[in-house]
Amino acid sequence: MAVSIDTVYQRVLTIANKEQRGYVTPQEFNLLANQAQMEIFEQYFHDINQFAKAQGNDTEYSDMVGGVNEKLKPFQQWLQAMSVSGSSIGTISTDAYKLGRIFYNGASATGSTASTFLLEIEEIEQGQIAQMELSPLTRATIEAPYFLRKTATLINLYPAASFISASTVKYNYVKSPLDVNWAYTIVNEQALYNSTNSIDFQLVESEESKLVIKILELAGIVIKDPQLTQQAATEETETLQQEINKPIR
């Protein structure tokens, strides 16, 4: 379940205004909210990397990695069809934050019998292409294809033959969270929440407190209140220490 943008904004306003510390406008909040969401989102990948490297109790660290993966579930896209041009250039979705694995669902004819298969397409680096293509042992084939990342959204598929574009190429990826928006209408010179045009956070519900703290930390800089920033940072540290015991919903 997603985190309500209005709930987070009201909590931020309540805490920020508690001692007349300042007012966070809807425009400021939306900017801070999107920055906070991306910082938390990007931290997931750093955490997975760190937990995977950690030494010690395997079960403990497996649980921690599993917890982060649960938070990434709303963003995971599995076996999405890839658009491939006649020149074997594949296009990755523009909302892809992190590319996962690429698969080829093709057919191979042996004598009079055709067999279908699903296999992973290996990624190679630019410097490997010449060496691999010169040798018949490493040259790309229908049974052993590979790809080269050209840009954030384009890849070259090898072998550059028509069967690649005529068959199904699928891929997994993690998409970026949508930009959040606390929409409003002006009534009697006051901004009132407009749920119709608002966009909630895509993070899981258990991240609500972390979002509030992170936004307050950023808001302390905007309204030039070091105390608010310091308080939010302290609360963030306490929240992170309790994270492992917090249920994910």
Protein backbone atom coordinates (compact mmCIF):
# COMPACT_ATOMS: atom_id res chain seq x y z
CA MET A 1 0.00 0.00 0.00
CA ALA A 2 1.34 3.44 -0.97
CA VAL A 3 2.00 6.33 1.40
CA SER A 4 -0.55 9.15 1.28
CA ILE A 5 0.99 12.43 0.13
CA ASP A 6 -1.55 14.40 2.17
CA THR A 7 -0.83 12.49 5.40
CA VAL A 8 2.89 13.16 5.06
CA TYR A 9 2.34 16.86 4.26
CA GLN A 10 0.06 17.37 7.26
CA ARG A 11 2.58 15.69 9.57
CA VAL A 12 5.40 17.82 8.17
CA LEU A 13 3.36 21.00 8.67
CA THR A 14 2.37 20.03 12.22
CA ILE A 15 5.95 19.41 13.30
CA ALA A 16 7.45 22.38 11.44
CA ASN A 17 4.85 24.81 12.81
CA LYS A 18 4.87 23.48 16.37
CA GLU A 19 7.07 26.28 17.65
CA GLN A 20 6.42 28.81 14.88
CA ARG A 21 9.45 27.47 13.07
CA GLY A 22 8.12 28.35 9.63
CA TYR A 23 5.69 27.29 6.93
CA VAL A 24 6.49 24.86 4.14
CA THR A 25 4.53 25.88 1.04
CA PRO A 26 2.97 23.22 -1.24
CA GLN A 27 5.53 24.05 -3.94
CA GLU A 28 8.42 23.64 -1.51
CA PHE A 29 6.92 20.47 -0.08
CA ASN A 30 6.55 18.84 -3.51
CA LEU A 31 10.19 19.53 -4.34
CA LEU A 32 11.37 18.23 -0.97
CA ALA A 33 9.04 15.23 -1.08
CA ASN A 34 10.39 14.08 -4.44
CA GLN A 35 13.97 14.53 -3.29
CA ALA A 36 13.25 12.60 -0.08
CA GLN A 37 11.56 9.76 -1.97
CA MET A 38 14.50 9.40 -4.36
CA GLU A 39 17.06 9.46 -1.54
CA ILE A 40 15.23 6.68 0.30
CA PHE A 41 14.73 4.73 -2.94
CA GLU A 42 18.41 4.98 -3.94
CA GLN A 43 19.44 3.90 -0.44
CA TYR A 44 17.79 0.52 -1.05
CA PHE A 45 20.44 -0.43 -3.61
CA HIS A 46 23.26 0.78 -1.39
CA ASP A 47 21.85 -1.28 1.49
CA ILE A 48 21.56 -4.44 -0.61
CA ASN A 49 25.16 -4.01 -1.73
CA GLN A 50 26.38 -3.47 1.83
CA PHE A 51 24.36 -6.32 3.35
CA ALA A 52 25.58 -8.69 0.63
CA LYS A 53 29.19 -7.87 1.50
CA ALA A 54 28.70 -8.15 5.27
CA GLN A 55 30.37 -11.00 7.13
CA GLY A 56 28.68 -12.89 9.93
CA ASN A 57 25.31 -14.53 10.44
CA ASP A 58 24.01 -15.55 7.00
CA THR A 59 20.40 -15.76 8.16
CA GLU A 60 20.50 -12.29 9.70
CA TYR A 61 21.83 -10.62 6.57
CA SER A 62 19.55 -12.64 4.31
CA ASP A 63 16.58 -11.30 6.27
CA MET A 64 17.86 -7.74 5.88
CA VAL A 65 18.33 -8.13 2.12
CA GLY A 66 14.90 -9.74 1.92
CA GLY A 67 13.40 -6.78 3.76
CA VAL A 68 14.86 -4.32 1.26
CA ASN A 69 13.69 -6.47 -1.65
CA GLU A 70 10.17 -6.35 -0.21
CA LYS A 71 10.31 -2.56 -0.34
CA LEU A 72 11.41 -2.74 -3.98
CA LYS A 73 8.51 -4.99 -5.03
CA PRO A 74 6.24 -2.10 -6.17
CA PHE A 75 8.98 -1.06 -8.61
CA GLN A 76 10.01 -4.44 -10.01
CA GLN A 77 8.97 -5.24 -13.58
CA TRP A 78 9.32 -8.87 -14.65
CA LEU A 79 9.73 -10.23 -18.20
CA GLN A 80 8.59 -7.11 -20.02
CA ALA A 81 8.56 -7.33 -23.81
CA MET A 82 11.36 -5.31 -25.38
CA SER A 83 10.95 -3.39 -28.61
CA VAL A 84 13.69 -4.50 -31.03
CA SER A 85 14.45 -2.84 -34.37
CA GLY A 86 15.42 -4.64 -37.57
CA SER A 87 19.05 -3.78 -36.87
CA SER A 88 18.82 -5.59 -33.51
CA ILE A 89 18.75 -2.48 -31.34
CA GLY A 90 16.62 -2.99 -28.26
CA THR A 91 14.83 -0.17 -26.46
CA ILE A 92 14.58 -0.13 -22.66
CA SER A 93 11.67 1.63 -20.97
CA THR A 94 12.38 5.26 -20.10
CA ASP A 95 11.19 4.69 -16.52
CA ALA A 96 13.86 2.02 -15.91
CA TYR A 97 16.08 2.99 -12.99
CA LYS A 98 18.08 -0.23 -12.95
CA LEU A 99 18.27 -2.85 -15.68
CA GLY A 100 18.03 -6.44 -14.53
CA ARG A 101 18.38 -9.50 -16.76
CA ILE A 102 17.53 -9.83 -20.46
CA PHE A 103 16.13 -13.03 -21.93
CA TYR A 104 15.62 -14.36 -25.45
CA ASN A 105 12.64 -16.53 -26.27
CA GLY A 106 13.55 -18.08 -29.60
CA ALA A 107 13.45 -21.20 -31.69
CA SER A 108 16.22 -23.42 -32.98
CA ALA A 109 15.76 -25.95 -35.79
CA THR A 110 17.50 -29.31 -35.49
CA GLY A 111 16.92 -31.40 -38.60
CA SER A 112 13.17 -31.33 -39.13
CA THR A 113 12.37 -30.57 -35.48
CA ALA A 114 12.18 -27.04 -34.07
CA SER A 115 12.70 -26.49 -30.36
CA THR A 116 11.89 -23.37 -28.38
CA PHE A 117 13.97 -22.07 -25.50
CA LEU A 118 14.29 -19.18 -23.05
CA LEU A 119 17.83 -18.15 -22.25
CA GLU A 120 19.58 -15.20 -20.68
CA ILE A 121 21.44 -12.76 -22.91
CA GLU A 122 24.81 -11.97 -21.38
CA GLU A 123 26.04 -8.38 -21.13
CA ILE A 124 29.50 -7.56 -22.49
CA GLU A 125 31.66 -4.44 -22.43
CA GLN A 126 32.65 -2.35 -25.44
CA GLY A 127 36.24 -3.54 -25.29
CA GLN A 128 35.21 -7.21 -25.54
CA ILE A 129 33.32 -7.07 -28.83
CA ALA A 130 36.24 -7.18 -31.29
CA GLN A 131 37.96 -10.06 -29.51
CA MET A 132 34.77 -12.09 -29.10
CA GLU A 133 33.55 -11.60 -32.67
CA LEU A 134 36.93 -12.56 -34.19
CA SER A 135 36.86 -16.03 -32.65
CA PRO A 136 34.33 -18.65 -33.82
CA LEU A 137 34.35 -20.06 -30.29
CA THR A 138 33.12 -16.85 -28.64
CA ARG A 139 31.18 -15.25 -31.50
CA ALA A 140 27.51 -14.62 -30.72
CA THR A 141 25.07 -17.29 -31.88
CA ILE A 142 21.36 -17.90 -31.50
CA GLU A 143 22.14 -20.25 -28.61
CA ALA A 144 24.65 -17.85 -27.02
CA PRO A 145 23.66 -14.24 -27.71
CA TYR A 146 24.94 -11.20 -25.84
CA PHE A 147 24.26 -7.49 -25.66
CA LEU A 148 26.11 -4.20 -25.33
CA ARG A 149 24.64 -1.25 -23.44
CA LYS A 150 24.69 1.78 -25.76
CA THR A 151 22.79 4.37 -23.72
CA ALA A 152 20.42 4.43 -20.75
CA THR A 153 17.60 3.22 -23.01
CA LEU A 154 19.29 1.46 -25.94
CA ILE A 155 21.20 -1.83 -26.28
CA ASN A 156 22.84 -3.63 -29.21
CA LEU A 157 21.89 -7.29 -29.49
CA TYR A 158 24.31 -9.84 -30.97
CA PRO A 159 24.28 -11.64 -33.31
CA ALA A 160 22.85 -8.75 -35.31
CA ALA A 161 20.56 -11.01 -37.36
CA SER A 162 16.90 -10.97 -38.27
CA PHE A 163 15.94 -13.79 -35.88
CA ILE A 164 16.57 -11.49 -32.91
CA SER A 165 14.10 -8.88 -34.11
CA ALA A 166 11.60 -11.51 -35.23
CA SER A 167 11.53 -13.23 -31.84
CA THR A 168 10.68 -12.19 -28.33
CA VAL A 169 13.22 -10.41 -26.16
CA LYS A 170 12.12 -9.83 -22.57
CA TYR A 171 13.77 -8.13 -19.64
CA ASN A 172 13.49 -7.41 -15.95
CA TYR A 173 14.05 -3.96 -14.50
CA VAL A 174 13.39 -1.75 -11.51
CA LYS A 175 11.44 1.34 -12.45
CA SER A 176 11.91 4.77 -10.91
CA PRO A 177 9.19 6.02 -8.55
CA LEU A 178 6.73 8.48 -10.02
CA ASP A 179 7.09 12.13 -9.04
CA VAL A 180 4.74 12.82 -6.15
CA ASN A 181 2.46 15.85 -6.10
CA TRP A 182 0.38 17.47 -3.37
CA ALA A 183 -2.20 19.15 -5.59
CA TYR A 184 -4.40 21.91 -4.25
CA THR A 185 -7.05 24.50 -5.00
CA ILE A 186 -7.13 27.99 -3.54
CA VAL A 187 -10.21 28.72 -1.39
CA ASN A 188 -10.36 31.93 0.66
CA GLU A 189 -6.65 32.42 0.01
CA GLN A 190 -5.83 29.02 1.49
CA ALA A 191 -4.45 25.95 -0.27
CA LEU A 192 -6.87 23.04 0.12
CA TYR A 193 -5.89 19.48 -0.74
CA ASN A 194 -7.06 18.24 -4.15
CA SER A 195 -7.04 14.45 -4.07
CA THR A 196 -8.07 14.12 -7.73
CA ASN A 197 -4.85 15.58 -9.12
CA SER A 198 -2.50 14.45 -6.36
CA ILE A 199 0.05 11.65 -6.70
CA ASP A 200 0.94 9.59 -3.62
CA PHE A 201 4.34 8.21 -2.72
CA GLN A 202 5.03 4.79 -4.21
CA LEU A 203 7.12 3.66 -1.27
CA VAL A 204 5.63 1.02 1.02
CA GLU A 205 3.53 2.19 3.96
CA SER A 206 6.21 1.41 6.53
CA GLU A 207 8.37 4.18 5.03
CA GLU A 208 5.95 6.95 6.04
CA SER A 209 7.87 8.01 9.16
CA LYS A 210 11.16 7.97 7.29
CA LEU A 211 9.64 10.21 4.60
CA VAL A 212 8.39 12.72 7.18
CA ILE A 213 11.79 12.83 8.89
CA LYS A 214 13.70 13.18 5.63
CA ILE A 215 11.43 15.99 4.40
CA LEU A 216 11.72 17.81 7.74
CA GLU A 217 15.48 17.53 7.52
CA LEU A 218 15.42 19.13 4.07
CA ALA A 219 12.79 21.68 5.13
CA GLY A 220 15.03 22.84 7.96
CA ILE A 221 17.47 24.05 5.33
CA VAL A 222 14.74 25.76 3.28
CA ILE A 223 13.24 27.68 6.20
CA LYS A 224 16.70 28.24 7.69
CA ASP A 225 16.06 26.42 10.95
CA PRO A 226 19.11 24.39 12.02
CA GLN A 227 17.21 23.03 15.02
CA LEU A 228 14.59 21.45 12.78
CA THR A 229 17.28 19.87 10.62
CA GLN A 230 19.12 18.59 13.70
CA GLN A 231 15.94 17.21 15.29
CA ALA A 232 14.94 15.47 12.07
CA ALA A 233 18.43 13.98 11.70
CA THR A 234 18.27 12.62 15.26
CA GLU A 235 14.86 11.08 14.63
CA GLU A 236 16.12 9.62 11.36
CA THR A 237 18.98 7.88 13.17
CA GLU A 238 16.57 6.41 15.72
CA THR A 239 14.23 5.27 12.95
CA LEU A 240 17.05 3.55 11.05
CA GLN A 241 18.12 1.71 14.20
CA GLN A 242 14.60 0.31 14.56
CA GLU A 243 14.22 -0.47 10.86
CA ILE A 244 15.13 -4.14 11.10
CA ASN A 245 12.26 -4.79 13.53
CA LYS A 246 9.68 -2.76 11.64
CA PRO A 247 7.02 -4.70 9.69
CA ILE A 248 6.79 -4.05 5.96
CA ARG A 249 3.31 -3.51 4.54
